[in-house]
Amino acid sequence: MSHDFAFQRRETFDTFRQSKGVALPARAMVDYAFFVEEEDADWAGFERALKAKGFRTARPDEDETLIASVGPIAVTAEEIWKWEEIATRIALEFDFFPDGWELDL
């Protein structure tokens, strides 16, 4: 099954439309979450590939989730999506799947 980038992009842009009126900073760190379903996933390879593109990584729960952080970047739908797409394309190569993002304020 192929990943639906158009749907994922819509979700990110919808988040911004729904938050109209909420005061957001001009720039912030953004944390993108990825989960894995394969027991033998290449965590180290995934982290190396993300770091090569400028992300910092963390594994808050050692066996299920990886957080890829970038920034501070402009807090706009376009900029957040740009980095989300980069990280997601890398994730899919390593059998990880996107699980949302949040501003690290």
PDB file of N, CA and C in Angstrom:
ATOM      1  N   MET A   1       0.844  -1.177   0.000  1.00  0.00           N
ATOM      2  CA  MET A   1       0.000   0.000   0.000  1.00  0.00           C
ATOM      3  C   MET A   1       0.892   1.245   0.000  1.00  0.00           C
ATOM      4  N   SER A   2       0.613   2.177  -0.874  1.00  0.00           N
ATOM      5  CA  SER A   2       1.432   3.383  -0.945  1.00  0.00           C
ATOM      6  C   SER A   2       0.909   4.433   0.044  1.00  0.00           C
ATOM      7  N   HIS A   3       1.807   5.294   0.445  1.00  0.00           N
ATOM      8  CA  HIS A   3       1.463   6.336   1.412  1.00  0.00           C
ATOM      9  C   HIS A   3       0.710   7.466   0.711  1.00  0.00           C
ATOM     10  N   ASP A   4      -0.296   8.013   1.371  1.00  0.00           N
ATOM     11  CA  ASP A   4      -1.110   9.094   0.815  1.00  0.00           C
ATOM     12  C   ASP A   4      -0.577  10.451   1.302  1.00  0.00           C
ATOM     13  N   PHE A   5       0.401  10.983   0.562  1.00  0.00           N
ATOM     14  CA  PHE A   5       0.994  12.263   0.939  1.00  0.00           C
ATOM     15  C   PHE A   5      -0.016  13.402   0.830  1.00  0.00           C
ATOM     16  N   ALA A   6      -0.921  13.331  -0.128  1.00  0.00           N
ATOM     17  CA  ALA A   6      -1.916  14.396  -0.287  1.00  0.00           C
ATOM     18  C   ALA A   6      -2.804  14.482   0.953  1.00  0.00           C
ATOM     19  N   PHE A   7      -3.215  13.340   1.475  1.00  0.00           N
ATOM     20  CA  PHE A   7      -4.031  13.321   2.693  1.00  0.00           C
ATOM     21  C   PHE A   7      -3.241  13.870   3.877  1.00  0.00           C
ATOM     22  N   GLN A   8      -2.005  13.441   4.008  1.00  0.00           N
ATOM     23  CA  GLN A   8      -1.161  13.900   5.114  1.00  0.00           C
ATOM     24  C   GLN A   8      -0.970  15.421   5.045  1.00  0.00           C
ATOM     25  N   ARG A   9      -0.734  15.935   3.849  1.00  0.00           N
ATOM     26  CA  ARG A   9      -0.564  17.382   3.667  1.00  0.00           C
ATOM     27  C   ARG A   9      -1.844  18.116   4.055  1.00  0.00           C
ATOM     28  N   ARG A  10      -2.998  17.596   3.613  1.00  0.00           N
ATOM     29  CA  ARG A  10      -4.282  18.217   3.962  1.00  0.00           C
ATOM     30  C   ARG A  10      -4.456  18.296   5.474  1.00  0.00           C
ATOM     31  N   GLU A  11      -4.080  17.229   6.176  1.00  0.00           N
ATOM     32  CA  GLU A  11      -4.203  17.233   7.637  1.00  0.00           C
ATOM     33  C   GLU A  11      -3.372  18.354   8.256  1.00  0.00           C
ATOM     34  N   THR A  12      -2.163  18.540   7.770  1.00  0.00           N
ATOM     35  CA  THR A  12      -1.305  19.604   8.297  1.00  0.00           C
ATOM     36  C   THR A  12      -1.911  20.973   8.012  1.00  0.00           C
ATOM     37  N   PHE A  13      -2.363  21.197   6.795  1.00  0.00           N
ATOM     38  CA  PHE A  13      -2.944  22.494   6.453  1.00  0.00           C
ATOM     39  C   PHE A  13      -4.266  22.712   7.186  1.00  0.00           C
ATOM     40  N   ASP A  14      -5.055  21.645   7.391  1.00  0.00           N
ATOM     41  CA  ASP A  14      -6.305  21.758   8.155  1.00  0.00           C
ATOM     42  C   ASP A  14      -6.033  22.155   9.600  1.00  0.00           C
ATOM     43  N   THR A  15      -4.959  21.649  10.164  1.00  0.00           N
ATOM     44  CA  THR A  15      -4.594  22.013  11.535  1.00  0.00           C
ATOM     45  C   THR A  15      -4.426  23.522  11.645  1.00  0.00           C
ATOM     46  N   PHE A  16      -3.797  24.127  10.663  1.00  0.00           N
ATOM     47  CA  PHE A  16      -3.611  25.579  10.687  1.00  0.00           C
ATOM     48  C   PHE A  16      -4.923  26.316  10.477  1.00  0.00           C
ATOM     49  N   ARG A  17      -5.764  25.827   9.579  1.00  0.00           N
ATOM     50  CA  ARG A  17      -7.057  26.483   9.357  1.00  0.00           C
ATOM     51  C   ARG A  17      -7.908  26.433  10.623  1.00  0.00           C
ATOM     52  N   GLN A  18      -7.868  25.317  11.329  1.00  0.00           N
ATOM     53  CA  GLN A  18      -8.676  25.152  12.539  1.00  0.00           C
ATOM     54  C   GLN A  18      -8.141  25.958  13.716  1.00  0.00           C
ATOM     55  N   SER A  19      -6.896  26.385  13.642  1.00  0.00           N
ATOM     56  CA  SER A  19      -6.311  27.123  14.769  1.00  0.00           C
ATOM     57  C   SER A  19      -6.292  28.630  14.526  1.00  0.00           C
ATOM     58  N   LYS A  20      -7.088  29.104  13.593  1.00  0.00           N
ATOM     59  CA  LYS A  20      -7.172  30.553  13.351  1.00  0.00           C
ATOM     60  C   LYS A  20      -7.533  31.247  14.665  1.00  0.00           C
ATOM     61  N   GLY A  21      -6.833  32.333  14.948  1.00  0.00           N
ATOM     62  CA  GLY A  21      -7.092  33.070  16.173  1.00  0.00           C
ATOM     63  C   GLY A  21      -6.215  32.651  17.338  1.00  0.00           C
ATOM     64  N   VAL A  22      -5.528  31.527  17.210  1.00  0.00           N
ATOM     65  CA  VAL A  22      -4.612  31.075  18.252  1.00  0.00           C
ATOM     66  C   VAL A  22      -3.268  31.753  18.023  1.00  0.00           C
ATOM     67  N   ALA A  23      -2.729  32.340  19.068  1.00  0.00           N
ATOM     68  CA  ALA A  23      -1.436  33.022  18.944  1.00  0.00           C
ATOM     69  C   ALA A  23      -0.322  31.987  18.831  1.00  0.00           C
ATOM     70  N   LEU A  24       0.373  32.007  17.716  1.00  0.00           N
ATOM     71  CA  LEU A  24       1.491  31.091  17.487  1.00  0.00           C
ATOM     72  C   LEU A  24       2.776  31.899  17.362  1.00  0.00           C
ATOM     73  N   PRO A  25       3.886  31.325  17.780  1.00  0.00           N
ATOM     74  CA  PRO A  25       5.152  32.036  17.611  1.00  0.00           C
ATOM     75  C   PRO A  25       5.521  32.102  16.133  1.00  0.00           C
ATOM     76  N   ALA A  26       6.365  33.035  15.781  1.00  0.00           N
ATOM     77  CA  ALA A  26       6.818  33.146  14.395  1.00  0.00           C
ATOM     78  C   ALA A  26       7.706  31.965  14.023  1.00  0.00           C
ATOM     79  N   ARG A  27       8.505  31.494  14.991  1.00  0.00           N
ATOM     80  CA  ARG A  27       9.422  30.373  14.758  1.00  0.00           C
ATOM     81  C   ARG A  27       9.374  29.452  15.973  1.00  0.00           C
ATOM     82  N   ALA A  28       9.590  28.167  15.729  1.00  0.00           N
ATOM     83  CA  ALA A  28       9.616  27.196  16.824  1.00  0.00           C
ATOM     84  C   ALA A  28      10.282  25.909  16.358  1.00  0.00           C
ATOM     85  N   MET A  29      10.687  25.119  17.320  1.00  0.00           N
ATOM     86  CA  MET A  29      11.111  23.750  17.040  1.00  0.00           C
ATOM     87  C   MET A  29       9.840  22.964  16.727  1.00  0.00           C
ATOM     88  N   VAL A  30       9.938  22.018  15.810  1.00  0.00           N
ATOM     89  CA  VAL A  30       8.804  21.152  15.494  1.00  0.00           C
ATOM     90  C   VAL A  30       9.256  19.712  15.680  1.00  0.00           C
ATOM     91  N   ASP A  31       8.433  18.946  16.402  1.00  0.00           N
ATOM     92  CA  ASP A  31       8.701  17.533  16.651  1.00  0.00           C
ATOM     93  C   ASP A  31       7.752  16.694  15.804  1.00  0.00           C
ATOM     94  N   TYR A  32       8.316  15.819  14.985  1.00  0.00           N
ATOM     95  CA  TYR A  32       7.540  14.901  14.156  1.00  0.00           C
ATOM     96  C   TYR A  32       7.668  13.512  14.769  1.00  0.00           C
ATOM     97  N   ALA A  33       6.537  12.841  14.987  1.00  0.00           N
ATOM     98  CA  ALA A  33       6.552  11.515  15.600  1.00  0.00           C
ATOM     99  C   ALA A  33       6.399  10.439  14.525  1.00  0.00           C
ATOM    100  N   PHE A  34       7.138   9.350  14.709  1.00  0.00           N
ATOM    101  CA  PHE A  34       7.069   8.201  13.804  1.00  0.00           C
ATOM    102  C   PHE A  34       7.006   6.933  14.635  1.00  0.00           C
ATOM    103  N   PHE A  35       6.178   5.991  14.193  1.00  0.00           N
ATOM    104  CA  PHE A  35       6.093   4.714  14.892  1.00  0.00           C
ATOM    105  C   PHE A  35       6.536   3.604  13.953  1.00  0.00           C
ATOM    106  N   VAL A  36       6.856   2.484  14.546  1.00  0.00           N
ATOM    107  CA  VAL A  36       7.344   1.341  13.781  1.00  0.00           C
ATOM    108  C   VAL A  36       6.458   0.142  14.080  1.00  0.00           C
ATOM    109  N   GLU A  37       6.295  -0.715  13.085  1.00  0.00           N
ATOM    110  CA  GLU A  37       5.537  -1.945  13.289  1.00  0.00           C
ATOM    111  C   GLU A  37       6.412  -3.178  13.169  1.00  0.00           C
ATOM    112  N   GLU A  38       7.582  -3.043  12.570  1.00  0.00           N
ATOM    113  CA  GLU A  38       8.479  -4.178  12.363  1.00  0.00           C
ATOM    114  C   GLU A  38       9.431  -4.328  13.544  1.00  0.00           C
ATOM    115  N   GLU A  39       9.551  -5.529  14.072  1.00  0.00           N
ATOM    116  CA  GLU A  39      10.443  -5.759  15.209  1.00  0.00           C
ATOM    117  C   GLU A  39      11.904  -5.559  14.844  1.00  0.00           C
ATOM    118  N   ASP A  40      12.259  -5.831  13.607  1.00  0.00           N
ATOM    119  CA  ASP A  40      13.663  -5.737  13.206  1.00  0.00           C
ATOM    120  C   ASP A  40      13.961  -4.444  12.435  1.00  0.00           C
ATOM    121  N   ALA A  41      13.246  -3.385  12.759  1.00  0.00           N
ATOM    122  CA  ALA A  41      13.437  -2.103  12.069  1.00  0.00           C
ATOM    123  C   ALA A  41      14.854  -1.579  12.264  1.00  0.00           C
ATOM    124  N   ASP A  42      15.338  -0.868  11.260  1.00  0.00           N
ATOM    125  CA  ASP A  42      16.682  -0.290  11.295  1.00  0.00           C
ATOM    126  C   ASP A  42      16.622   1.101  11.937  1.00  0.00           C
ATOM    127  N   TRP A  43      16.533   1.115  13.261  1.00  0.00           N
ATOM    128  CA  TRP A  43      16.464   2.370  14.003  1.00  0.00           C
ATOM    129  C   TRP A  43      17.684   3.238  13.718  1.00  0.00           C
ATOM    130  N   ALA A  44      18.864   2.644  13.774  1.00  0.00           N
ATOM    131  CA  ALA A  44      20.104   3.407  13.589  1.00  0.00           C
ATOM    132  C   ALA A  44      20.164   4.014  12.190  1.00  0.00           C
ATOM    133  N   GLY A  45      19.772   3.251  11.178  1.00  0.00           N
ATOM    134  CA  GLY A  45      19.772   3.765   9.813  1.00  0.00           C
ATOM    135  C   GLY A  45      18.790   4.912   9.644  1.00  0.00           C
ATOM    136  N   PHE A  46      17.618   4.768  10.242  1.00  0.00           N
ATOM    137  CA  PHE A  46      16.601   5.815  10.182  1.00  0.00           C
ATOM    138  C   PHE A  46      17.127   7.093  10.840  1.00  0.00           C
ATOM    139  N   GLU A  47      17.717   6.948  12.012  1.00  0.00           N
ATOM    140  CA  GLU A  47      18.257   8.119  12.708  1.00  0.00           C
ATOM    141  C   GLU A  47      19.392   8.775  11.917  1.00  0.00           C
ATOM    142  N   ARG A  48      20.274   7.990  11.346  1.00  0.00           N
ATOM    143  CA  ARG A  48      21.372   8.547  10.536  1.00  0.00           C
ATOM    144  C   ARG A  48      20.832   9.341   9.349  1.00  0.00           C
ATOM    145  N   ALA A  49      19.840   8.773   8.668  1.00  0.00           N
ATOM    146  CA  ALA A  49      19.263   9.440   7.496  1.00  0.00           C
ATOM    147  C   ALA A  49      18.581  10.754   7.888  1.00  0.00           C
ATOM    148  N   LEU A  50      17.879  10.756   9.005  1.00  0.00           N
ATOM    149  CA  LEU A  50      17.243  11.989   9.475  1.00  0.00           C
ATOM    150  C   LEU A  50      18.286  13.043   9.834  1.00  0.00           C
ATOM    151  N   LYS A  51      19.302  12.628  10.568  1.00  0.00           N
ATOM    152  CA  LYS A  51      20.350  13.573  10.986  1.00  0.00           C
ATOM    153  C   LYS A  51      21.074  14.160   9.779  1.00  0.00           C
ATOM    154  N   ALA A  52      21.231  13.374   8.731  1.00  0.00           N
ATOM    155  CA  ALA A  52      21.882  13.864   7.511  1.00  0.00           C
ATOM    156  C   ALA A  52      21.076  14.983   6.854  1.00  0.00           C
ATOM    157  N   LYS A  53      19.777  15.040   7.135  1.00  0.00           N
ATOM    158  CA  LYS A  53      18.909  16.089   6.579  1.00  0.00           C
ATOM    159  C   LYS A  53      18.670  17.232   7.565  1.00  0.00           C
ATOM    160  N   GLY A  54      19.335  17.187   8.729  1.00  0.00           N
ATOM    161  CA  GLY A  54      19.234  18.296   9.671  1.00  0.00           C
ATOM    162  C   GLY A  54      18.323  18.087  10.861  1.00  0.00           C
ATOM    163  N   PHE A  55      17.772  16.898  11.019  1.00  0.00           N
ATOM    164  CA  PHE A  55      16.900  16.609  12.158  1.00  0.00           C
ATOM    165  C   PHE A  55      17.720  16.151  13.363  1.00  0.00           C
ATOM    166  N   ARG A  56      17.178  16.386  14.548  1.00  0.00           N
ATOM    167  CA  ARG A  56      17.679  15.773  15.773  1.00  0.00           C
ATOM    168  C   ARG A  56      16.694  14.672  16.121  1.00  0.00           C
ATOM    169  N   THR A  57      17.165  13.611  16.742  1.00  0.00           N
ATOM    170  CA  THR A  57      16.277  12.486  17.020  1.00  0.00           C
ATOM    171  C   THR A  57      16.269  12.137  18.498  1.00  0.00           C
ATOM    172  N   ALA A  58      15.157  11.554  18.930  1.00  0.00           N
ATOM    173  CA  ALA A  58      15.007  11.060  20.299  1.00  0.00           C
ATOM    174  C   ALA A  58      14.092   9.848  20.259  1.00  0.00           C
ATOM    175  N   ARG A  59      14.295   8.954  21.217  1.00  0.00           N
ATOM    176  CA  ARG A  59      13.454   7.757  21.326  1.00  0.00           C
ATOM    177  C   ARG A  59      12.867   7.706  22.728  1.00  0.00           C
ATOM    178  N   PRO A  60      11.737   8.394  22.939  1.00  0.00           N
ATOM    179  CA  PRO A  60      11.153   8.471  24.282  1.00  0.00           C
ATOM    180  C   PRO A  60      10.690   7.128  24.838  1.00  0.00           C
ATOM    181  N   ASP A  61      10.207   6.268  23.980  1.00  0.00           N
ATOM    182  CA  ASP A  61       9.858   4.909  24.402  1.00  0.00           C
ATOM    183  C   ASP A  61      10.623   3.979  23.474  1.00  0.00           C
ATOM    184  N   GLU A  62      11.684   3.464  23.946  1.00  0.00           N
ATOM    185  CA  GLU A  62      12.723   2.781  23.173  1.00  0.00           C
ATOM    186  C   GLU A  62      12.245   1.851  22.057  1.00  0.00           C
ATOM    187  N   ASP A  63      11.059   1.286  22.150  1.00  0.00           N
ATOM    188  CA  ASP A  63      10.680   0.255  21.191  1.00  0.00           C
ATOM    189  C   ASP A  63       9.580   0.625  20.212  1.00  0.00           C
ATOM    190  N   GLU A  64       9.020   1.833  20.305  1.00  0.00           N
ATOM    191  CA  GLU A  64       7.868   2.098  19.454  1.00  0.00           C
ATOM    192  C   GLU A  64       7.912   3.406  18.675  1.00  0.00           C
ATOM    193  N   THR A  65       8.484   4.451  19.239  1.00  0.00           N
ATOM    194  CA  THR A  65       8.370   5.779  18.645  1.00  0.00           C
ATOM    195  C   THR A  65       9.724   6.452  18.503  1.00  0.00           C
ATOM    196  N   LEU A  66       9.877   7.179  17.411  1.00  0.00           N
ATOM    197  CA  LEU A  66      11.047   8.025  17.221  1.00  0.00           C
ATOM    198  C   LEU A  66      10.541   9.443  16.971  1.00  0.00           C
ATOM    199  N   ILE A  67      11.149  10.414  17.633  1.00  0.00           N
ATOM    200  CA  ILE A  67      10.809  11.816  17.434  1.00  0.00           C
ATOM    201  C   ILE A  67      11.927  12.460  16.623  1.00  0.00           C
ATOM    202  N   ALA A  68      11.556  13.094  15.522  1.00  0.00           N
ATOM    203  CA  ALA A  68      12.506  13.829  14.680  1.00  0.00           C
ATOM    204  C   ALA A  68      12.192  15.310  14.841  1.00  0.00           C
ATOM    205  N   SER A  69      13.147  16.064  15.361  1.00  0.00           N
ATOM    206  CA  SER A  69      12.936  17.490  15.627  1.00  0.00           C
ATOM    207  C   SER A  69      13.761  18.333  14.671  1.00  0.00           C
ATOM    208  N   VAL A  70      13.185  19.468  14.296  1.00  0.00           N
ATOM    209  CA  VAL A  70      13.883  20.393  13.402  1.00  0.00           C
ATOM    210  C   VAL A  70      13.560  21.820  13.837  1.00  0.00           C
ATOM    211  N   GLY A  71      14.492  22.704  13.577  1.00  0.00           N
ATOM    212  CA  GLY A  71      14.191  24.098  13.837  1.00  0.00           C
ATOM    213  C   GLY A  71      15.178  24.772  14.748  1.00  0.00           C
ATOM    214  N   PRO A  72      14.793  25.972  15.128  1.00  0.00           N
ATOM    215  CA  PRO A  72      13.500  26.605  14.896  1.00  0.00           C
ATOM    216  C   PRO A  72      13.263  26.920  13.405  1.00  0.00           C
ATOM    217  N   ILE A  73      12.022  26.685  13.001  1.00  0.00           N
ATOM    218  CA  ILE A  73      11.583  26.979  11.641  1.00  0.00           C
ATOM    219  C   ILE A  73      10.378  27.907  11.714  1.00  0.00           C
ATOM    220  N   ALA A  74      10.022  28.499  10.585  1.00  0.00           N
ATOM    221  CA  ALA A  74       8.829  29.346  10.527  1.00  0.00           C
ATOM    222  C   ALA A  74       7.599  28.501  10.836  1.00  0.00           C
ATOM    223  N   VAL A  75       6.717  29.046  11.663  1.00  0.00           N
ATOM    224  CA  VAL A  75       5.498  28.326  12.023  1.00  0.00           C
ATOM    225  C   VAL A  75       4.418  28.685  11.007  1.00  0.00           C
ATOM    226  N   THR A  76       4.511  28.011   9.859  1.00  0.00           N
ATOM    227  CA  THR A  76       3.518  28.136   8.791  1.00  0.00           C
ATOM    228  C   THR A  76       3.207  26.730   8.304  1.00  0.00           C
ATOM    229  N   ALA A  77       2.035  26.565   7.739  1.00  0.00           N
ATOM    230  CA  ALA A  77       1.672  25.249   7.212  1.00  0.00           C
ATOM    231  C   ALA A  77       2.669  24.804   6.151  1.00  0.00           C
ATOM    232  N   GLU A  78       3.085  25.720   5.306  1.00  0.00           N
ATOM    233  CA  GLU A  78       4.000  25.376   4.217  1.00  0.00           C
ATOM    234  C   GLU A  78       5.341  24.872   4.739  1.00  0.00           C
ATOM    235  N   GLU A  79       5.903  25.580   5.718  1.00  0.00           N
ATOM    236  CA  GLU A  79       7.219  25.201   6.228  1.00  0.00           C
ATOM    237  C   GLU A  79       7.151  23.907   7.041  1.00  0.00           C
ATOM    238  N   ILE A  80       6.120  23.776   7.845  1.00  0.00           N
ATOM    239  CA  ILE A  80       5.981  22.541   8.625  1.00  0.00           C
ATOM    240  C   ILE A  80       5.778  21.361   7.690  1.00  0.00           C
ATOM    241  N   TRP A  81       4.955  21.542   6.657  1.00  0.00           N
ATOM    242  CA  TRP A  81       4.747  20.454   5.701  1.00  0.00           C
ATOM    243  C   TRP A  81       6.036  20.121   4.957  1.00  0.00           C
ATOM    244  N   LYS A  82       6.805  21.107   4.573  1.00  0.00           N
ATOM    245  CA  LYS A  82       8.066  20.852   3.857  1.00  0.00           C
ATOM    246  C   LYS A  82       8.931  19.860   4.641  1.00  0.00           C
ATOM    247  N   TRP A  83       9.119  20.121   5.917  1.00  0.00           N
ATOM    248  CA  TRP A  83       9.958  19.248   6.746  1.00  0.00           C
ATOM    249  C   TRP A  83       9.261  17.928   7.068  1.00  0.00           C
ATOM    250  N   GLU A  84       7.946  17.969   7.212  1.00  0.00           N
ATOM    251  CA  GLU A  84       7.186  16.741   7.470  1.00  0.00           C
ATOM    252  C   GLU A  84       7.323  15.776   6.296  1.00  0.00           C
ATOM    253  N   GLU A  85       7.236  16.298   5.090  1.00  0.00           N
ATOM    254  CA  GLU A  85       7.361  15.445   3.907  1.00  0.00           C
ATOM    255  C   GLU A  85       8.765  14.843   3.807  1.00  0.00           C
ATOM    256  N   ILE A  86       9.784  15.647   4.068  1.00  0.00           N
ATOM    257  CA  ILE A  86      11.160  15.129   4.034  1.00  0.00           C
ATOM    258  C   ILE A  86      11.309  13.978   5.021  1.00  0.00           C
ATOM    259  N   ALA A  87      10.879  14.205   6.260  1.00  0.00           N
ATOM    260  CA  ALA A  87      11.020  13.175   7.297  1.00  0.00           C
ATOM    261  C   ALA A  87      10.180  11.943   6.984  1.00  0.00           C
ATOM    262  N   THR A  88       8.984  12.139   6.454  1.00  0.00           N
ATOM    263  CA  THR A  88       8.111  11.004   6.139  1.00  0.00           C
ATOM    264  C   THR A  88       8.698  10.154   5.022  1.00  0.00           C
ATOM    265  N   ARG A  89       9.240  10.775   4.004  1.00  0.00           N
ATOM    266  CA  ARG A  89       9.852  10.000   2.913  1.00  0.00           C
ATOM    267  C   ARG A  89      11.006   9.144   3.438  1.00  0.00           C
ATOM    268  N   ILE A  90      11.797   9.708   4.334  1.00  0.00           N
ATOM    269  CA  ILE A  90      12.875   8.928   4.947  1.00  0.00           C
ATOM    270  C   ILE A  90      12.281   7.802   5.785  1.00  0.00           C
ATOM    271  N   ALA A  91      11.281   8.122   6.586  1.00  0.00           N
ATOM    272  CA  ALA A  91      10.663   7.130   7.472  1.00  0.00           C
ATOM    273  C   ALA A  91      10.154   5.920   6.697  1.00  0.00           C
ATOM    274  N   LEU A  92       9.464   6.168   5.614  1.00  0.00           N
ATOM    275  CA  LEU A  92       8.876   5.073   4.845  1.00  0.00           C
ATOM    276  C   LEU A  92       9.942   4.140   4.282  1.00  0.00           C
ATOM    277  N   GLU A  93      11.117   4.675   3.964  1.00  0.00           N
ATOM    278  CA  GLU A  93      12.216   3.832   3.480  1.00  0.00           C
ATOM    279  C   GLU A  93      12.670   2.829   4.537  1.00  0.00           C
ATOM    280  N   PHE A  94      12.440   3.162   5.807  1.00  0.00           N
ATOM    281  CA  PHE A  94      12.890   2.318   6.915  1.00  0.00           C
ATOM    282  C   PHE A  94      11.727   1.634   7.632  1.00  0.00           C
ATOM    283  N   ASP A  95      10.545   1.598   7.010  1.00  0.00           N
ATOM    284  CA  ASP A  95       9.349   0.962   7.567  1.00  0.00           C
ATOM    285  C   ASP A  95       8.848   1.623   8.844  1.00  0.00           C
ATOM    286  N   PHE A  96       8.994   2.942   8.922  1.00  0.00           N
ATOM    287  CA  PHE A  96       8.390   3.736   9.988  1.00  0.00           C
ATOM    288  C   PHE A  96       7.240   4.521   9.371  1.00  0.00           C
ATOM    289  N   PHE A  97       6.293   4.938  10.203  1.00  0.00           N
ATOM    290  CA  PHE A  97       5.099   5.610   9.711  1.00  0.00           C
ATOM    291  C   PHE A  97       4.845   6.887  10.503  1.00  0.00           C
ATOM    292  N   PRO A  98       4.357   7.947   9.846  1.00  0.00           N
ATOM    293  CA  PRO A  98       4.132   9.216  10.540  1.00  0.00           C
ATOM    294  C   PRO A  98       2.983   9.119  11.537  1.00  0.00           C
ATOM    295  N   ASP A  99       3.153   9.844  12.642  1.00  0.00           N
ATOM    296  CA  ASP A  99       2.135   9.843  13.693  1.00  0.00           C
ATOM    297  C   ASP A  99       1.912  11.257  14.222  1.00  0.00           C
ATOM    298  N   GLY A 100       2.002  12.239  13.332  1.00  0.00           N
ATOM    299  CA  GLY A 100       1.691  13.610  13.711  1.00  0.00           C
ATOM    300  C   GLY A 100       2.911  14.436  14.076  1.00  0.00           C
ATOM    301  N   TRP A 101       2.630  15.687  14.411  1.00  0.00           N
ATOM    302  CA  TRP A 101       3.686  16.629  14.778  1.00  0.00           C
ATOM    303  C   TRP A 101       3.134  17.577  15.819  1.00  0.00           C
ATOM    304  N   GLU A 102       4.053  18.243  16.520  1.00  0.00           N
ATOM    305  CA  GLU A 102       3.642  19.295  17.450  1.00  0.00           C
ATOM    306  C   GLU A 102       4.756  20.318  17.574  1.00  0.00           C
ATOM    307  N   LEU A 103       4.352  21.517  17.955  1.00  0.00           N
ATOM    308  CA  LEU A 103       5.328  22.568  18.196  1.00  0.00           C
ATOM    309  C   LEU A 103       5.973  22.317  19.547  1.00  0.00           C
ATOM    310  N   ASP A 104       7.268  22.456  19.605  1.00  0.00           N
ATOM    311  CA  ASP A 104       8.008  22.288  20.855  1.00  0.00           C
ATOM    312  C   ASP A 104       8.237  23.679  21.427  1.00  0.00           C
ATOM    313  N   LEU A 105       7.262  24.151  22.211  1.00  0.00           N
ATOM    314  CA  LEU A 105       7.311  25.524  22.745  1.00  0.00           C
ATOM    315  C   LEU A 105       7.902  25.568  24.133  1.00  0.00           C
TER     316      LEU A 105
END
